[in-house]
Amino acid sequence: MPVEQQQGQQSAEQNQAPSEAPVQPRLDEDSPRKRPRNPRRRRTIRFVILALVVVAAIVAIPVYAYYSVRESTDDAQIDGHVVPISPRIAGTIISVLVKDNQPVKAGQELVRLDPADYQVAFEQAQAQLASSQANTSESQENVPITSINTLSQVSTTGTQVDEARAAVASAQQAIDAARARLNSANASLVEKQANYAKAQKDLARMKDLVEKDEISKQEYDAAVAAAEANSAQVQTANADIVEAQHNVDQAIAQQNQSKARLATTMVQQRQSEQVRARQEAVSQARFKQAQAQGQQRQADLDLAKLNLEYTVLKAPVDGVVSRKTAEPGMQVSPGQQIMALVPLDDVWVTANFKETQLKKMRVGQKVDIEVDTYGSSRKYRGHIDSIAAASGARFSLLPPENATGNYVKVVQRVPVKILLEPGENRDHLLLPGMSVTPTVLLNSSNDRSS
């Protein structure tokens, strides 16, 4: 009961029964007694609380300042290239020249295949190339020979055409001469016929005179002889006309024959010109075909040479041999992986930061890298090279599909590629797959982004 109520009850009782003695309140033996408060203790408690707040603020401010400019994740690992080694041809392994986890240099021999079949193919390709080159040389020589032969044929037919034209002209001249002789023979016949008619008239007059003895027998005989001579000359003139006409006909026939020969030679000339073009085209085509075949044979030889070289598998890069399955006597096929090379010179860090951590991240910012294998005793330095274009979930085999309406928001992780600074992995202690913890310094310069 409160003290005020107790005092009120006591005053009421005193007013009601003043003769009675005052009754003292009875305290329960089990109830705790009140202790008086200590003001000094209260001040001490307040001072301690204030001191703790100040200390917490002093500690929290640098801690906040430290972590507010840093983003870190333990979902990160060392990444690197894995170069598969596989044969480019089929064959049988005759020797394996490396072991698992052995460092090798670029160009170092790794595996050898049986080269017997490919050596035979290479020699066969060489022989075929030599034969093709001989055919090409022959075809090349035939090109000018064909051109010369066809040109000679065209020239010969041209000469024949000229000769035929000359023969036609000569025949025309012979026709003109024969016609001139025919005209001359006709004129001579007319003259001789006139002389013959005059001789006959003279003979008839002489016959009357000789019968009258007015002229002598000798004069009459001379007139008879003259008449007979004129008759013979008429016959000779007729024969000359016939001969001249025959000569004209013969000259015309020769001209027709020369014209026919001219037409024939002109046709032969055109044919020889056409044949020349075709033969030269065929010759050029055969030469080009031989050249193409030679190129094909050269390509076959180059392929056979490459296949022969492919019987020796060499390291394409510096690295360490891993996952070796090659063994002597093993049959391999093109593309079959028989080992892998891991180049330790080219490694980087793939860190999967939460999307909420990417707000201030930029390309080029510095990164401190702690490797789980070596602990905090050694840290590596690097910088952000690039940020992935999508979250890791988008690149997974079965990306989440939220179109069903059962969407639940989940903080996604985005891969960030971090490159080591030059010389950081000089001792090649960083191996692909190692877990690391990168810390991005958000307030560092990002001039590498340019």
Protein backbone atom coordinates (compact mmCIF):
# COMPACT_ATOMS: atom_id res chain seq x y z
CA MET A 1 0.00 0.00 0.00
CA PRO A 2 1.33 3.45 -0.77
CA VAL A 3 2.69 5.56 2.07
CA GLU A 4 0.22 8.42 1.40
CA GLN A 5 -2.78 6.09 1.77
CA GLN A 6 -1.37 4.67 4.99
CA GLN A 7 -0.93 8.18 6.44
CA GLY A 8 -4.52 9.09 5.47
CA GLN A 9 -5.91 6.02 7.16
CA GLN A 10 -3.90 6.77 10.34
CA SER A 11 -5.27 10.33 10.50
CA ALA A 12 -8.81 9.05 10.06
CA GLU A 13 -8.39 6.55 12.79
CA GLN A 14 -6.95 9.20 15.10
CA ASN A 15 -9.99 11.42 14.49
CA GLN A 16 -12.40 8.56 15.12
CA ALA A 17 -10.68 7.19 18.30
CA PRO A 18 -8.46 9.72 19.88
CA SER A 19 -8.18 7.70 23.11
CA GLU A 20 -6.57 4.79 21.39
CA ALA A 21 -2.83 4.58 20.84
CA PRO A 22 -1.57 4.92 17.30
CA VAL A 23 -1.21 1.63 15.47
CA GLN A 24 2.17 1.09 13.72
CA PRO A 25 2.02 -0.37 10.19
CA ARG A 26 3.20 -3.96 10.07
CA LEU A 27 5.62 -4.87 7.44
CA ASP A 28 5.78 -8.29 5.88
CA GLU A 29 8.95 -10.02 6.80
CA ASP A 30 9.29 -11.43 3.22
CA SER A 31 8.84 -8.12 1.34
CA PRO A 32 12.13 -6.39 0.44
CA ARG A 33 12.99 -3.27 2.20
CA LYS A 34 13.56 -0.15 0.18
CA ARG A 35 17.07 1.05 -0.06
CA PRO A 36 17.81 4.68 -0.49
CA ARG A 37 19.14 5.67 -3.91
CA ASN A 38 22.83 6.70 -4.35
CA PRO A 39 23.20 9.78 -6.61
CA ARG A 40 26.92 9.16 -7.01
CA ARG A 41 26.35 5.70 -8.37
CA ARG A 42 23.81 7.01 -10.82
CA ARG A 43 26.32 9.53 -12.16
CA THR A 44 28.92 6.80 -12.54
CA ILE A 45 26.56 4.63 -14.56
CA ARG A 46 25.68 7.53 -16.82
CA PHE A 47 29.35 8.31 -17.35
CA VAL A 48 30.16 4.71 -18.27
CA ILE A 49 27.25 4.55 -20.71
CA LEU A 50 28.35 7.80 -22.32
CA ALA A 51 31.92 6.56 -22.55
CA LEU A 52 30.77 3.34 -24.21
CA VAL A 53 28.72 5.32 -26.74
CA VAL A 54 31.72 7.53 -27.52
CA VAL A 55 34.02 4.55 -27.89
CA ALA A 56 31.48 2.75 -30.10
CA ALA A 57 31.17 5.85 -32.28
CA ILE A 58 34.96 6.17 -32.47
CA VAL A 59 35.25 2.53 -33.52
CA ALA A 60 32.20 2.52 -35.84
CA ILE A 61 33.18 5.58 -37.85
CA PRO A 62 36.47 4.19 -39.23
CA VAL A 63 34.91 0.76 -39.63
CA TYR A 64 32.08 2.28 -41.64
CA ALA A 65 34.53 4.42 -43.56
CA TYR A 66 36.59 1.31 -44.30
CA TYR A 67 33.78 -0.98 -45.43
CA SER A 68 31.71 1.68 -47.21
CA VAL A 69 34.35 1.96 -49.96
CA ARG A 70 34.92 -1.80 -50.27
CA GLU A 71 32.88 -4.66 -51.66
CA SER A 72 33.91 -8.24 -51.05
CA THR A 73 32.60 -11.74 -51.80
CA ASP A 74 33.69 -15.28 -51.11
CA ASP A 75 31.84 -16.59 -54.18
CA ALA A 76 34.92 -16.29 -56.43
CA GLN A 77 37.56 -18.53 -57.92
CA ILE A 78 40.61 -18.54 -60.14
CA ASP A 79 39.74 -19.10 -63.81
CA GLY A 80 42.00 -19.93 -66.72
CA HIS A 81 42.15 -21.46 -70.15
CA VAL A 82 42.03 -25.22 -70.66
CA VAL A 83 43.49 -26.04 -74.06
CA PRO A 84 42.27 -29.42 -75.35
CA ILE A 85 44.82 -31.53 -77.23
CA SER A 86 43.27 -33.74 -79.90
CA PRO A 87 44.58 -35.23 -83.17
CA ARG A 88 43.49 -33.79 -86.50
CA ILE A 89 43.84 -37.14 -88.24
CA ALA A 90 43.05 -40.75 -87.40
CA GLY A 91 45.88 -43.04 -86.46
CA THR A 92 47.64 -45.20 -83.91
CA ILE A 93 49.69 -43.69 -81.09
CA ILE A 94 53.24 -45.03 -81.15
CA SER A 95 54.72 -42.90 -78.38
CA VAL A 96 53.61 -40.50 -75.63
CA LEU A 97 56.36 -38.04 -74.76
CA VAL A 98 54.87 -36.31 -71.67
CA LYS A 99 53.38 -37.21 -68.29
CA ASP A 100 50.54 -35.85 -66.21
CA ASN A 101 51.22 -32.47 -64.53
CA GLN A 102 54.39 -31.99 -66.56
CA PRO A 103 55.18 -28.40 -67.62
CA VAL A 104 55.72 -28.07 -71.38
CA LYS A 105 56.71 -25.29 -73.73
CA ALA A 106 54.93 -24.18 -76.89
CA GLY A 107 56.06 -26.35 -79.81
CA GLN A 108 57.20 -29.24 -77.64
CA GLU A 109 56.26 -32.68 -78.96
CA LEU A 110 53.54 -34.41 -76.95
CA VAL A 111 52.38 -37.47 -78.90
CA ARG A 112 53.48 -39.24 -82.08
CA LEU A 113 51.18 -41.20 -84.40
CA ASP A 114 52.20 -43.93 -86.83
CA PRO A 115 53.23 -42.01 -90.02
CA ALA A 116 53.51 -45.01 -92.43
CA ASP A 117 50.18 -44.58 -94.23
CA TYR A 118 50.57 -40.81 -94.47
CA GLN A 119 54.13 -41.16 -95.79
CA VAL A 120 52.86 -43.37 -98.63
CA ALA A 121 50.08 -40.89 -99.39
CA PHE A 122 52.62 -38.07 -99.45
CA GLU A 123 54.88 -39.90 -101.95
CA GLN A 124 51.88 -40.78 -104.11
CA ALA A 125 50.81 -37.13 -104.15
CA GLN A 126 54.34 -36.15 -105.18
CA ALA A 127 54.23 -38.56 -108.15
CA GLN A 128 50.82 -37.34 -109.24
CA LEU A 129 52.01 -33.75 -109.05
CA ALA A 130 55.04 -34.54 -111.24
CA SER A 131 52.80 -36.22 -113.83
CA SER A 132 50.41 -33.28 -113.78
CA GLN A 133 53.27 -30.81 -114.20
CA ALA A 134 54.47 -32.77 -117.26
CA ASN A 135 50.97 -32.63 -118.77
CA THR A 136 50.84 -28.92 -118.10
CA SER A 137 54.17 -28.38 -119.87
CA GLU A 138 52.99 -30.40 -122.86
CA SER A 139 49.72 -28.49 -123.05
CA GLN A 140 51.60 -25.22 -122.78
CA GLU A 141 53.85 -26.19 -125.69
CA ASN A 142 50.84 -27.26 -127.78
CA VAL A 143 49.28 -23.81 -127.54
CA PRO A 144 51.79 -22.01 -129.84
CA ILE A 145 52.13 -25.09 -132.07
CA THR A 146 48.39 -25.19 -132.60
CA SER A 147 48.36 -21.47 -133.29
CA ILE A 148 51.14 -21.83 -135.87
CA ASN A 149 49.48 -24.80 -137.59
CA THR A 150 46.09 -23.17 -137.79
CA LEU A 151 47.65 -19.92 -138.97
CA SER A 152 49.48 -21.85 -141.72
CA GLN A 153 46.23 -23.47 -142.78
CA VAL A 154 44.50 -20.10 -142.94
CA SER A 155 47.43 -18.68 -144.90
CA THR A 156 47.35 -21.63 -147.34
CA THR A 157 43.64 -21.27 -147.95
CA GLY A 158 44.16 -17.54 -148.43
CA THR A 159 46.80 -18.24 -151.07
CA GLN A 160 44.45 -20.70 -152.74
CA VAL A 161 41.73 -18.08 -152.78
CA ASP A 162 44.10 -15.60 -154.42
CA GLU A 163 45.14 -18.20 -157.00
CA ALA A 164 41.51 -19.05 -157.74
CA ARG A 165 40.69 -15.38 -158.21
CA ALA A 166 43.67 -15.04 -160.54
CA ALA A 167 42.49 -18.11 -162.44
CA VAL A 168 39.03 -16.59 -162.80
CA ALA A 169 40.56 -13.39 -164.12
CA SER A 170 42.82 -15.34 -166.47
CA ALA A 171 39.85 -17.36 -167.72
CA GLN A 172 37.98 -14.14 -168.35
CA GLN A 173 40.91 -12.89 -170.38
CA ALA A 174 40.99 -16.18 -172.31
CA ILE A 175 37.26 -15.80 -173.01
CA ASP A 176 37.80 -12.27 -174.29
CA ALA A 177 40.67 -13.41 -176.53
CA ALA A 178 38.66 -16.37 -177.86
CA ARG A 179 35.72 -14.13 -178.60
CA ALA A 180 38.03 -11.72 -180.38
CA ARG A 181 39.41 -14.56 -182.49
CA LEU A 182 35.84 -15.70 -183.18
CA ASN A 183 34.90 -12.23 -184.37
CA SER A 184 38.03 -12.11 -186.51
CA ALA A 185 37.21 -15.52 -187.99
CA ASN A 186 33.67 -14.39 -188.77
CA ALA A 187 35.01 -11.29 -190.50
CA SER A 188 37.54 -13.39 -192.41
CA LEU A 189 34.75 -15.78 -193.45
CA VAL A 190 32.69 -12.92 -194.78
CA GLU A 191 35.68 -11.68 -196.74
CA LYS A 192 36.52 -15.09 -198.10
CA GLN A 193 32.89 -15.77 -198.95
CA ALA A 194 32.87 -12.51 -200.90
CA ASN A 195 36.10 -13.51 -202.67
CA TYR A 196 34.65 -16.93 -203.36
CA ALA A 197 31.48 -15.41 -204.85
CA LYS A 198 33.57 -13.07 -206.99
CA ALA A 199 35.76 -16.00 -208.10
CA GLN A 200 32.67 -17.98 -209.09
CA LYS A 201 31.34 -15.07 -211.12
CA ASP A 202 34.74 -14.59 -212.73
CA LEU A 203 34.89 -18.33 -213.52
CA ALA A 204 31.45 -18.22 -215.14
CA ARG A 205 32.53 -15.31 -217.33
CA MET A 206 35.81 -17.03 -218.12
CA LYS A 207 33.92 -20.15 -219.11
CA ASP A 208 31.87 -18.23 -221.69
CA LEU A 209 34.99 -16.52 -222.98
CA VAL A 210 37.01 -19.71 -223.24
CA GLU A 211 34.22 -21.34 -225.15
CA LYS A 212 34.32 -18.41 -227.54
CA ASP A 213 38.09 -18.68 -227.65
CA GLU A 214 38.34 -15.13 -226.52
CA ILE A 215 40.71 -16.06 -223.76
CA SER A 216 43.30 -18.71 -223.48
CA LYS A 217 42.83 -22.00 -221.73
CA GLN A 218 45.57 -21.01 -219.32
CA GLU A 219 43.65 -17.97 -218.13
CA TYR A 220 40.57 -20.12 -217.71
CA ASP A 221 42.51 -22.67 -215.67
CA ALA A 222 43.86 -19.86 -213.50
CA ALA A 223 40.31 -18.65 -212.86
CA VAL A 224 39.26 -22.20 -211.98
CA ALA A 225 42.21 -22.49 -209.58
CA ALA A 226 41.41 -19.13 -208.06
CA ALA A 227 37.76 -20.18 -207.55
CA GLU A 228 38.85 -23.43 -205.95
CA ALA A 229 41.33 -21.55 -203.74
CA ASN A 230 38.61 -19.16 -202.62
CA SER A 231 36.36 -22.12 -201.87
CA ALA A 232 39.13 -23.64 -199.77
CA GLN A 233 39.64 -20.36 -197.98
CA VAL A 234 35.90 -20.24 -197.19
CA GLN A 235 36.11 -23.72 -195.75
CA THR A 236 39.20 -22.73 -193.79
CA ALA A 237 37.39 -19.66 -192.48
CA ASN A 238 34.45 -21.81 -191.41
CA ALA A 239 36.86 -24.14 -189.63
CA ASP A 240 38.49 -21.15 -187.94
CA ILE A 241 35.09 -19.96 -186.78
CA VAL A 242 34.29 -23.38 -185.36
CA GLU A 243 37.67 -23.48 -183.62
CA ALA A 244 37.24 -19.97 -182.29
CA GLN A 245 33.79 -20.82 -180.94
CA HIS A 246 35.23 -23.93 -179.34
CA ASN A 247 37.94 -21.83 -177.75
CA VAL A 248 35.31 -19.45 -176.43
CA ASP A 249 33.31 -22.33 -174.94
CA GLN A 250 36.45 -23.83 -173.46
CA ALA A 251 37.48 -20.50 -171.93
CA ILE A 252 33.98 -20.08 -170.43
CA ALA A 253 34.17 -23.61 -169.01
CA GLN A 254 37.58 -22.86 -167.51
CA GLN A 255 36.20 -19.65 -166.02
CA ASN A 256 33.28 -21.51 -164.47
CA GLN A 257 35.69 -24.06 -163.12
CA SER A 258 37.90 -21.28 -161.72
CA LYS A 259 34.86 -19.65 -160.13
CA ALA A 260 33.86 -22.94 -158.56
CA ARG A 261 37.41 -23.40 -157.28
CA LEU A 262 37.32 -19.83 -155.94
CA ALA A 263 34.07 -20.50 -154.11
CA THR A 264 35.49 -23.72 -152.70
CA THR A 265 38.68 -22.07 -151.54
CA MET A 266 36.73 -19.20 -149.96
CA VAL A 267 34.62 -21.72 -148.02
CA GLN A 268 37.81 -23.51 -146.99
CA GLN A 269 39.29 -20.20 -145.89
CA ARG A 270 36.28 -19.43 -143.70
CA GLN A 271 36.33 -22.94 -142.32
CA SER A 272 40.05 -22.76 -141.59
CA GLU A 273 39.56 -19.45 -139.79
CA GLN A 274 36.76 -20.95 -137.69
CA VAL A 275 38.74 -24.10 -137.08
CA ARG A 276 41.73 -21.98 -136.10
CA ALA A 277 39.71 -20.15 -133.44
CA ARG A 278 38.23 -23.40 -132.16
CA GLN A 279 41.52 -25.27 -132.14
CA GLU A 280 43.25 -22.41 -130.35
CA ALA A 281 40.38 -22.26 -127.81
CA VAL A 282 40.58 -26.03 -127.31
CA SER A 283 44.34 -25.80 -126.90
CA GLN A 284 43.99 -22.97 -124.37
CA ALA A 285 41.26 -24.90 -122.54
CA ARG A 286 43.43 -28.01 -122.34
CA PHE A 287 46.28 -25.91 -121.00
CA LYS A 288 44.03 -24.33 -118.38
CA GLN A 289 42.63 -27.74 -117.49
CA ALA A 290 46.16 -29.04 -117.07
CA GLN A 291 46.99 -26.03 -114.89
CA ALA A 292 43.89 -26.62 -112.76
CA GLN A 293 44.76 -30.28 -112.43
CA GLY A 294 48.28 -29.28 -111.44
CA GLN A 295 46.89 -26.97 -108.77
CA GLN A 296 44.66 -29.79 -107.54
CA ARG A 297 47.64 -32.12 -107.37
CA GLN A 298 49.62 -29.43 -105.53
CA ALA A 299 46.75 -29.07 -103.05
CA ASP A 300 46.67 -32.86 -102.62
CA LEU A 301 50.42 -32.81 -101.96
CA ASP A 302 50.05 -29.97 -99.45
CA LEU A 303 47.25 -31.89 -97.69
CA ALA A 304 49.35 -35.06 -97.63
CA LYS A 305 52.25 -33.06 -96.22
CA LEU A 306 50.03 -31.54 -93.54
CA ASN A 307 48.64 -34.96 -92.61
CA LEU A 308 52.19 -36.25 -92.32
CA GLU A 309 53.05 -33.32 -90.05
CA TYR A 310 49.89 -33.92 -88.03
CA THR A 311 51.28 -37.30 -86.96
CA VAL A 312 53.31 -35.34 -84.40
CA LEU A 313 51.13 -33.50 -81.87
CA LYS A 314 52.83 -30.42 -80.42
CA ALA A 315 51.93 -28.10 -77.58
CA PRO A 316 50.23 -24.96 -78.91
CA VAL A 317 51.01 -22.94 -75.77
CA ASP A 318 53.10 -23.07 -72.62
CA GLY A 319 51.26 -24.96 -69.92
CA VAL A 320 50.93 -27.98 -67.69
CA VAL A 321 49.72 -31.36 -68.97
CA SER A 322 46.44 -32.45 -67.39
CA ARG A 323 43.84 -35.20 -67.92
CA LYS A 324 46.18 -37.29 -70.08
CA THR A 325 44.47 -40.35 -71.56
CA ALA A 326 46.86 -41.03 -74.43
CA GLU A 327 48.67 -44.38 -74.33
CA PRO A 328 50.89 -46.17 -76.92
CA GLY A 329 48.89 -48.40 -79.24
CA MET A 330 45.70 -46.41 -78.73
CA GLN A 331 43.56 -45.80 -81.83
CA VAL A 332 42.50 -42.16 -82.05
CA SER A 333 40.16 -40.28 -84.35
CA PRO A 334 40.03 -36.60 -85.35
CA GLY A 335 38.74 -34.40 -82.53
CA GLN A 336 39.20 -37.03 -79.82
CA GLN A 337 40.65 -35.31 -76.74
CA ILE A 338 43.64 -37.19 -75.37
CA MET A 339 44.97 -34.57 -72.94
CA ALA A 340 44.67 -30.93 -71.96
CA LEU A 341 47.09 -28.08 -71.34
CA VAL A 342 46.50 -25.48 -68.66
CA PRO A 343 48.53 -22.31 -69.28
CA LEU A 344 49.33 -20.89 -65.85
CA ASP A 345 50.57 -17.58 -67.25
CA ASP A 346 47.07 -16.47 -68.19
CA VAL A 347 44.73 -16.75 -65.20
CA TRP A 348 42.13 -14.37 -63.82
CA VAL A 349 39.51 -14.18 -61.09
CA THR A 350 35.81 -14.63 -61.69
CA ALA A 351 33.91 -13.10 -58.77
CA ASN A 352 30.14 -13.48 -58.48
CA PHE A 353 29.06 -10.30 -56.68
CA LYS A 354 25.49 -9.69 -55.61
CA GLU A 355 23.64 -7.26 -57.81
CA THR A 356 23.30 -4.93 -54.80
CA GLN A 357 27.09 -4.69 -54.64
CA LEU A 358 27.53 -3.42 -58.21
CA LYS A 359 26.22 0.08 -57.63
CA LYS A 360 29.63 1.72 -57.37
CA MET A 361 31.74 -0.83 -59.22
CA ARG A 362 33.50 0.37 -62.36
CA VAL A 363 35.94 -1.14 -64.82
CA GLY A 364 39.52 -0.44 -63.77
CA GLN A 365 38.98 -0.26 -60.01
CA LYS A 366 41.71 -1.92 -57.94
CA VAL A 367 41.10 -5.23 -56.22
CA ASP A 368 42.84 -6.97 -53.31
CA ILE A 369 42.69 -10.75 -53.67
CA GLU A 370 43.09 -13.24 -50.86
CA VAL A 371 43.52 -16.89 -51.85
CA ASP A 372 42.14 -19.52 -49.49
CA THR A 373 45.11 -21.79 -50.14
CA TYR A 374 47.65 -19.25 -48.91
CA GLY A 375 45.49 -17.39 -46.39
CA SER A 376 45.96 -13.78 -45.43
CA SER A 377 49.76 -14.09 -45.45
CA ARG A 378 49.84 -13.20 -49.08
CA LYS A 379 47.52 -10.97 -51.05
CA TYR A 380 47.44 -10.40 -54.78
CA ARG A 381 46.66 -7.19 -56.58
CA GLY A 382 44.39 -6.83 -59.57
CA HIS A 383 41.79 -4.66 -61.25
CA ILE A 384 38.30 -5.08 -62.68
CA ASP A 385 38.52 -5.94 -66.35
CA SER A 386 34.83 -6.30 -67.22
CA ILE A 387 31.38 -6.97 -65.83
CA ALA A 388 29.20 -9.69 -67.36
CA ALA A 389 26.25 -8.69 -69.52
CA ALA A 390 23.84 -10.89 -67.58
CA SER A 391 23.55 -12.65 -64.26
CA GLY A 392 24.86 -16.15 -63.75
CA ALA A 393 21.34 -17.52 -63.62
CA ARG A 394 20.76 -16.45 -67.22
CA PHE A 395 23.73 -18.50 -68.36
CA SER A 396 22.77 -21.61 -66.42
CA LEU A 397 21.58 -24.78 -68.12
CA LEU A 398 18.05 -24.33 -66.76
CA PRO A 399 17.49 -20.60 -66.20
CA PRO A 400 14.59 -19.66 -63.91
CA GLU A 401 11.27 -19.02 -65.63
CA ASN A 402 9.09 -16.55 -63.74
CA ALA A 403 6.28 -16.19 -66.26
CA THR A 404 4.06 -18.60 -64.30
CA GLY A 405 3.23 -15.96 -61.71
CA ASN A 406 5.11 -17.65 -58.88
CA TYR A 407 7.87 -15.09 -58.97
CA VAL A 408 9.97 -14.75 -55.85
CA LYS A 409 12.53 -11.99 -55.84
CA VAL A 410 16.03 -13.32 -55.26
CA VAL A 411 19.18 -11.26 -55.19
CA GLN A 412 21.08 -12.36 -58.30
CA ARG A 413 24.83 -12.65 -58.69
CA VAL A 414 26.66 -11.11 -61.66
CA PRO A 415 30.10 -12.43 -62.74
CA VAL A 416 32.89 -9.86 -62.64
CA LYS A 417 36.21 -10.58 -64.37
CA ILE A 418 39.27 -9.44 -62.42
CA LEU A 419 42.71 -9.43 -64.00
CA LEU A 420 45.89 -9.74 -61.98
CA GLU A 421 48.46 -7.01 -62.17
CA PRO A 422 51.63 -7.83 -64.14
CA GLY A 423 54.05 -9.99 -62.17
CA GLU A 424 51.58 -11.00 -59.47
CA ASN A 425 51.54 -14.65 -60.55
CA ARG A 426 55.17 -14.88 -61.55
CA ASP A 427 55.66 -18.03 -59.44
CA HIS A 428 52.56 -19.69 -60.99
CA LEU A 429 51.03 -20.55 -57.63
CA LEU A 430 47.51 -19.59 -58.72
CA LEU A 431 45.74 -22.57 -60.26
CA PRO A 432 42.33 -22.53 -61.96
CA GLY A 433 39.59 -23.55 -59.55
CA MET A 434 41.17 -22.13 -56.37
CA SER A 435 38.73 -20.28 -54.12
CA VAL A 436 39.55 -16.64 -53.48
CA THR A 437 38.06 -13.62 -51.70
CA PRO A 438 38.39 -10.44 -53.77
CA THR A 439 37.87 -7.01 -52.24
CA VAL A 440 37.11 -4.17 -54.67
CA LEU A 441 38.38 -0.72 -53.67
CA LEU A 442 35.48 1.44 -54.80
CA ASN A 443 37.36 4.71 -54.29
CA SER A 444 40.33 3.67 -56.44
CA SER A 445 40.98 5.15 -59.86
CA ASN A 446 39.40 3.49 -62.87
CA ASP A 447 41.49 5.05 -65.64
CA ARG A 448 41.91 1.60 -67.23
CA SER A 449 38.34 1.76 -68.42
CA SER A 450 39.37 4.23 -71.08
